[in-house]
Amino acid sequence: MALLSKNDLKDVFAGVSSIYIKKGGISGAITALDFDWDMPVTLDTLTFTQSEPTLNRTKIHGLQADWAVIATAGEVTFSATVPTNAKEVTDWFLGTPVGNVSAIPLNAGTETYSGDAYSMTSPKLYASVGIVSEDKMKMFFIKRLAFYATPLMENASSTVFGFNLTGTIEVTDDTSQDDVLFLKKD
């Protein structure tokens, strides 16, 4: 095989145009990409990383080099901030409302408020995530992400109420199973 130059290897995934979500995630073979939402995500909050592996080295007296090295794969972490409290999203993130309230007056006045009541249990959720590049020519696809959504309102004067998503891929030792896909538009 001939030496590949830097220009030959220039194949980059840059920017994000959409973050698609499929509730429940996908396992097994993918036959179609049918998503539930094009989820709004706050700029610079989307991360997907895998930490470095843990190396356990065995040293032997009289030898400088490692006798053996056993590695444990690093943890995969996904996070994002979703700046919406749309009912459909809130119902999924927090679970089915435990009740609803209607026409609660404010300070015995004429202004009233209505809405849903939720338990703060933060259920474990599963989803497939398709991250589409800025030019819409590539997609990084996570087949099954396990995550939790927690309400977030850090700085009410400059940010909107939303949800912080924190999760991981629950991988198996079955190397025949795929976890992520790098896709290009045909």
C-alpha atoms as a PDB file:
ATOM      1  CA  MET A   1       0.000   0.000   0.000  1.00  0.00           C
ATOM      2  CA  ALA A   2       1.306   3.430  -0.906  1.00  0.00           C
ATOM      3  CA  LEU A   3       1.926   6.100   1.696  1.00  0.00           C
ATOM      4  CA  LEU A   4      -1.181   8.229   2.225  1.00  0.00           C
ATOM      5  CA  SER A   5      -0.473  11.944   2.539  1.00  0.00           C
ATOM      6  CA  LYS A   6      -2.192  14.362   4.896  1.00  0.00           C
ATOM      7  CA  ASN A   7      -4.323  15.536   1.989  1.00  0.00           C
ATOM      8  CA  ASP A   8      -5.352  11.943   1.273  1.00  0.00           C
ATOM      9  CA  LEU A   9      -6.463  11.624   4.909  1.00  0.00           C
ATOM     10  CA  LYS A  10      -8.431  14.856   5.017  1.00  0.00           C
ATOM     11  CA  ASP A  11     -11.849  13.513   5.868  1.00  0.00           C
ATOM     12  CA  VAL A  12     -13.246  15.618   8.705  1.00  0.00           C
ATOM     13  CA  PHE A  13     -16.498  15.836  10.588  1.00  0.00           C
ATOM     14  CA  ALA A  14     -16.941  19.533  11.368  1.00  0.00           C
ATOM     15  CA  GLY A  15     -19.740  21.420  13.074  1.00  0.00           C
ATOM     16  CA  VAL A  16     -23.223  20.203  13.927  1.00  0.00           C
ATOM     17  CA  SER A  17     -26.422  20.929  12.016  1.00  0.00           C
ATOM     18  CA  SER A  18     -28.814  18.533  13.757  1.00  0.00           C
ATOM     19  CA  ILE A  19     -28.966  16.136  16.683  1.00  0.00           C
ATOM     20  CA  TYR A  20     -31.591  13.507  15.962  1.00  0.00           C
ATOM     21  CA  ILE A  21     -33.083  11.365  18.731  1.00  0.00           C
ATOM     22  CA  LYS A  22     -34.838   7.997  18.492  1.00  0.00           C
ATOM     23  CA  LYS A  23     -36.478   7.074  21.795  1.00  0.00           C
ATOM     24  CA  GLY A  24     -35.551   3.617  23.064  1.00  0.00           C
ATOM     25  CA  GLY A  25     -32.500   3.197  20.870  1.00  0.00           C
ATOM     26  CA  ILE A  26     -31.785   0.627  18.205  1.00  0.00           C
ATOM     27  CA  SER A  27     -30.298  -2.805  18.726  1.00  0.00           C
ATOM     28  CA  GLY A  28     -29.423  -5.250  16.012  1.00  0.00           C
ATOM     29  CA  ALA A  29     -29.225  -4.447  12.334  1.00  0.00           C
ATOM     30  CA  ILE A  30     -30.258  -0.990  11.167  1.00  0.00           C
ATOM     31  CA  THR A  31     -32.706  -1.013   8.282  1.00  0.00           C
ATOM     32  CA  ALA A  32     -33.848   2.623   8.467  1.00  0.00           C
ATOM     33  CA  LEU A  33     -33.059   5.800  10.356  1.00  0.00           C
ATOM     34  CA  ASP A  34     -36.433   6.918  11.720  1.00  0.00           C
ATOM     35  CA  PHE A  35     -35.998   9.550  14.423  1.00  0.00           C
ATOM     36  CA  ASP A  36     -38.532  11.044  16.824  1.00  0.00           C
ATOM     37  CA  TRP A  37     -36.977  14.498  17.214  1.00  0.00           C
ATOM     38  CA  ASP A  38     -34.482  16.952  15.833  1.00  0.00           C
ATOM     39  CA  MET A  39     -33.546  17.920  19.390  1.00  0.00           C
ATOM     40  CA  PRO A  40     -32.464  21.473  20.229  1.00  0.00           C
ATOM     41  CA  VAL A  41     -29.076  21.407  21.974  1.00  0.00           C
ATOM     42  CA  THR A  42     -27.297  24.462  23.374  1.00  0.00           C
ATOM     43  CA  LEU A  43     -24.090  25.455  21.578  1.00  0.00           C
ATOM     44  CA  ASP A  44     -20.890  24.036  23.058  1.00  0.00           C
ATOM     45  CA  THR A  45     -22.663  21.638  25.449  1.00  0.00           C
ATOM     46  CA  LEU A  46     -22.640  18.521  23.258  1.00  0.00           C
ATOM     47  CA  THR A  47     -19.776  16.175  24.142  1.00  0.00           C
ATOM     48  CA  PHE A  48     -19.004  12.570  23.353  1.00  0.00           C
ATOM     49  CA  THR A  49     -15.728  11.282  24.756  1.00  0.00           C
ATOM     50  CA  GLN A  50     -13.991   8.101  25.759  1.00  0.00           C
ATOM     51  CA  SER A  51     -11.436   8.395  28.517  1.00  0.00           C
ATOM     52  CA  GLU A  52      -8.037   6.806  28.202  1.00  0.00           C
ATOM     53  CA  PRO A  53      -7.777   3.145  29.160  1.00  0.00           C
ATOM     54  CA  THR A  54      -6.551   2.157  32.598  1.00  0.00           C
ATOM     55  CA  LEU A  55      -3.235   0.338  32.259  1.00  0.00           C
ATOM     56  CA  ASN A  56      -2.299  -2.165  34.949  1.00  0.00           C
ATOM     57  CA  ARG A  57       1.387  -2.945  34.584  1.00  0.00           C
ATOM     58  CA  THR A  58       3.207  -5.911  36.046  1.00  0.00           C
ATOM     59  CA  LYS A  59       6.864  -5.211  36.823  1.00  0.00           C
ATOM     60  CA  ILE A  60       9.519  -7.810  37.558  1.00  0.00           C
ATOM     61  CA  HIS A  61      12.666  -7.239  39.631  1.00  0.00           C
ATOM     62  CA  GLY A  62      15.674  -6.890  37.376  1.00  0.00           C
ATOM     63  CA  LEU A  63      13.725  -5.892  34.258  1.00  0.00           C
ATOM     64  CA  GLN A  64      13.027  -2.330  33.120  1.00  0.00           C
ATOM     65  CA  ALA A  65      10.263  -3.164  30.669  1.00  0.00           C
ATOM     66  CA  ASP A  66       6.774  -4.226  31.662  1.00  0.00           C
ATOM     67  CA  TRP A  67       6.347  -7.956  32.162  1.00  0.00           C
ATOM     68  CA  ALA A  68       2.692  -7.656  31.160  1.00  0.00           C
ATOM     69  CA  VAL A  69       0.130  -4.918  30.685  1.00  0.00           C
ATOM     70  CA  ILE A  70      -3.577  -5.435  31.237  1.00  0.00           C
ATOM     71  CA  ALA A  71      -5.854  -2.676  30.009  1.00  0.00           C
ATOM     72  CA  THR A  72      -9.398  -1.746  30.888  1.00  0.00           C
ATOM     73  CA  ALA A  73     -11.237   0.363  28.327  1.00  0.00           C
ATOM     74  CA  GLY A  74     -11.976   3.969  29.256  1.00  0.00           C
ATOM     75  CA  GLU A  75     -15.444   5.169  30.080  1.00  0.00           C
ATOM     76  CA  VAL A  76     -17.641   6.598  27.333  1.00  0.00           C
ATOM     77  CA  THR A  77     -19.408   9.830  28.296  1.00  0.00           C
ATOM     78  CA  PHE A  78     -22.131  11.737  26.483  1.00  0.00           C
ATOM     79  CA  SER A  79     -23.549  15.059  27.651  1.00  0.00           C
ATOM     80  CA  ALA A  80     -25.709  17.822  26.233  1.00  0.00           C
ATOM     81  CA  THR A  81     -27.988  20.613  27.367  1.00  0.00           C
ATOM     82  CA  VAL A  82     -31.479  20.608  25.868  1.00  0.00           C
ATOM     83  CA  PRO A  83     -33.060  24.063  26.293  1.00  0.00           C
ATOM     84  CA  THR A  84     -36.748  23.172  26.106  1.00  0.00           C
ATOM     85  CA  ASN A  85     -39.554  22.146  28.368  1.00  0.00           C
ATOM     86  CA  ALA A  86     -41.915  21.129  25.570  1.00  0.00           C
ATOM     87  CA  LYS A  87     -44.446  18.748  27.081  1.00  0.00           C
ATOM     88  CA  GLU A  88     -43.455  15.798  24.866  1.00  0.00           C
ATOM     89  CA  VAL A  89     -39.794  16.144  25.840  1.00  0.00           C
ATOM     90  CA  THR A  90     -40.509  16.818  29.529  1.00  0.00           C
ATOM     91  CA  ASP A  91     -42.822  13.782  29.687  1.00  0.00           C
ATOM     92  CA  TRP A  92     -40.049  11.596  28.278  1.00  0.00           C
ATOM     93  CA  PHE A  93     -37.261  13.045  30.417  1.00  0.00           C
ATOM     94  CA  LEU A  94     -39.160  13.044  33.737  1.00  0.00           C
ATOM     95  CA  GLY A  95     -41.727  10.316  33.122  1.00  0.00           C
ATOM     96  CA  THR A  96     -45.481  10.450  32.927  1.00  0.00           C
ATOM     97  CA  PRO A  97     -46.916  13.334  34.934  1.00  0.00           C
ATOM     98  CA  VAL A  98     -48.180  12.264  38.362  1.00  0.00           C
ATOM     99  CA  GLY A  99     -50.993  14.780  38.103  1.00  0.00           C
ATOM    100  CA  ASN A 100     -52.009  18.099  36.688  1.00  0.00           C
ATOM    101  CA  VAL A 101     -53.160  21.405  38.039  1.00  0.00           C
ATOM    102  CA  SER A 102     -55.516  23.892  36.478  1.00  0.00           C
ATOM    103  CA  ALA A 103     -56.359  27.511  37.033  1.00  0.00           C
ATOM    104  CA  ILE A 104     -54.289  28.122  40.162  1.00  0.00           C
ATOM    105  CA  PRO A 105     -54.715  31.839  40.930  1.00  0.00           C
ATOM    106  CA  LEU A 106     -51.670  33.989  41.586  1.00  0.00           C
ATOM    107  CA  ASN A 107     -51.989  35.942  44.856  1.00  0.00           C
ATOM    108  CA  ALA A 108     -55.781  35.559  44.790  1.00  0.00           C
ATOM    109  CA  GLY A 109     -55.806  37.586  41.568  1.00  0.00           C
ATOM    110  CA  THR A 110     -57.144  37.063  38.089  1.00  0.00           C
ATOM    111  CA  GLU A 111     -53.920  35.547  36.709  1.00  0.00           C
ATOM    112  CA  THR A 112     -54.010  31.758  36.800  1.00  0.00           C
ATOM    113  CA  TYR A 113     -51.548  28.983  35.979  1.00  0.00           C
ATOM    114  CA  SER A 114     -52.120  25.419  34.791  1.00  0.00           C
ATOM    115  CA  GLY A 115     -49.805  22.548  34.022  1.00  0.00           C
ATOM    116  CA  ASP A 116     -48.457  19.100  34.827  1.00  0.00           C
ATOM    117  CA  ALA A 117     -46.936  17.746  38.039  1.00  0.00           C
ATOM    118  CA  TYR A 118     -43.840  15.506  37.845  1.00  0.00           C
ATOM    119  CA  SER A 119     -41.862  13.395  40.252  1.00  0.00           C
ATOM    120  CA  MET A 120     -38.128  14.206  40.330  1.00  0.00           C
ATOM    121  CA  THR A 121     -37.054  10.606  39.802  1.00  0.00           C
ATOM    122  CA  SER A 122     -34.955  11.094  36.615  1.00  0.00           C
ATOM    123  CA  PRO A 123     -35.606   7.685  35.057  1.00  0.00           C
ATOM    124  CA  LYS A 124     -32.893   5.937  33.058  1.00  0.00           C
ATOM    125  CA  LEU A 125     -33.644   6.455  29.372  1.00  0.00           C
ATOM    126  CA  TYR A 126     -32.352   4.913  26.166  1.00  0.00           C
ATOM    127  CA  ALA A 127     -32.029   6.546  22.780  1.00  0.00           C
ATOM    128  CA  SER A 128     -30.238   6.402  19.487  1.00  0.00           C
ATOM    129  CA  VAL A 129     -28.488   9.655  18.636  1.00  0.00           C
ATOM    130  CA  GLY A 130     -27.603  10.852  15.148  1.00  0.00           C
ATOM    131  CA  ILE A 131     -25.271  13.849  15.079  1.00  0.00           C
ATOM    132  CA  VAL A 132     -25.253  15.407  11.601  1.00  0.00           C
ATOM    133  CA  SER A 133     -22.299  17.494  10.420  1.00  0.00           C
ATOM    134  CA  GLU A 134     -22.663  21.160   9.558  1.00  0.00           C
ATOM    135  CA  ASP A 135     -22.534  20.436   5.812  1.00  0.00           C
ATOM    136  CA  LYS A 136     -25.111  17.621   6.274  1.00  0.00           C
ATOM    137  CA  MET A 137     -22.830  15.164   4.494  1.00  0.00           C
ATOM    138  CA  LYS A 138     -21.896  13.004   7.520  1.00  0.00           C
ATOM    139  CA  MET A 139     -23.555  11.494  10.554  1.00  0.00           C
ATOM    140  CA  PHE A 140     -22.031  10.106  13.727  1.00  0.00           C
ATOM    141  CA  PHE A 141     -24.601   7.613  14.963  1.00  0.00           C
ATOM    142  CA  ILE A 142     -24.797   6.154  18.480  1.00  0.00           C
ATOM    143  CA  LYS A 143     -27.021   3.075  18.381  1.00  0.00           C
ATOM    144  CA  ARG A 144     -28.046   2.857  22.029  1.00  0.00           C
ATOM    145  CA  LEU A 145     -27.181   5.496  24.566  1.00  0.00           C
ATOM    146  CA  ALA A 146     -28.208   5.131  28.215  1.00  0.00           C
ATOM    147  CA  PHE A 147     -28.711   8.509  29.878  1.00  0.00           C
ATOM    148  CA  TYR A 148     -30.405  10.532  32.564  1.00  0.00           C
ATOM    149  CA  ALA A 149     -32.061  13.929  32.090  1.00  0.00           C
ATOM    150  CA  THR A 150     -31.972  16.369  34.971  1.00  0.00           C
ATOM    151  CA  PRO A 151     -33.656  19.789  35.096  1.00  0.00           C
ATOM    152  CA  LEU A 152     -31.219  22.666  34.703  1.00  0.00           C
ATOM    153  CA  MET A 153     -31.539  26.386  35.339  1.00  0.00           C
ATOM    154  CA  GLU A 154     -28.059  27.562  36.266  1.00  0.00           C
ATOM    155  CA  ASN A 155     -28.180  31.235  35.426  1.00  0.00           C
ATOM    156  CA  ALA A 156     -31.729  32.470  34.977  1.00  0.00           C
ATOM    157  CA  SER A 157     -30.626  35.903  33.752  1.00  0.00           C
ATOM    158  CA  SER A 158     -28.730  34.564  30.743  1.00  0.00           C
ATOM    159  CA  THR A 159     -29.853  30.974  30.084  1.00  0.00           C
ATOM    160  CA  VAL A 160     -33.192  29.273  29.584  1.00  0.00           C
ATOM    161  CA  PHE A 161     -34.629  26.412  31.609  1.00  0.00           C
ATOM    162  CA  GLY A 162     -33.725  23.057  30.130  1.00  0.00           C
ATOM    163  CA  PHE A 163     -32.413  19.593  30.823  1.00  0.00           C
ATOM    164  CA  ASN A 164     -28.874  18.336  31.213  1.00  0.00           C
ATOM    165  CA  LEU A 165     -28.377  14.938  29.585  1.00  0.00           C
ATOM    166  CA  THR A 166     -25.618  12.724  30.950  1.00  0.00           C
ATOM    167  CA  GLY A 167     -25.045   9.210  29.713  1.00  0.00           C
ATOM    168  CA  THR A 168     -22.908   6.454  28.318  1.00  0.00           C
ATOM    169  CA  ILE A 169     -22.926   3.525  25.949  1.00  0.00           C
ATOM    170  CA  GLU A 170     -23.481   0.297  27.830  1.00  0.00           C
ATOM    171  CA  VAL A 171     -21.100  -1.811  25.779  1.00  0.00           C
ATOM    172  CA  THR A 172     -20.743  -5.547  25.886  1.00  0.00           C
ATOM    173  CA  ASP A 173     -17.672  -7.665  25.349  1.00  0.00           C
ATOM    174  CA  ASP A 174     -19.276  -9.025  22.183  1.00  0.00           C
ATOM    175  CA  THR A 175     -17.044  -7.429  19.556  1.00  0.00           C
ATOM    176  CA  SER A 176     -19.441  -8.505  16.801  1.00  0.00           C
ATOM    177  CA  GLN A 177     -21.933  -5.889  18.075  1.00  0.00           C
ATOM    178  CA  ASP A 178     -21.597  -2.350  16.764  1.00  0.00           C
ATOM    179  CA  ASP A 179     -22.073   0.636  19.055  1.00  0.00           C
ATOM    180  CA  VAL A 180     -21.359   3.643  16.840  1.00  0.00           C
ATOM    181  CA  LEU A 181     -21.466   4.238  13.104  1.00  0.00           C
ATOM    182  CA  PHE A 182     -19.694   6.767  10.907  1.00  0.00           C
ATOM    183  CA  LEU A 183     -22.038   7.433   8.001  1.00  0.00           C
ATOM    184  CA  LYS A 184     -21.673   9.491   4.813  1.00  0.00           C
ATOM    185  CA  LYS A 185     -24.477  10.778   2.642  1.00  0.00           C
ATOM    186  CA  ASP A 186     -24.795   8.897  -0.657  1.00  0.00           C
END
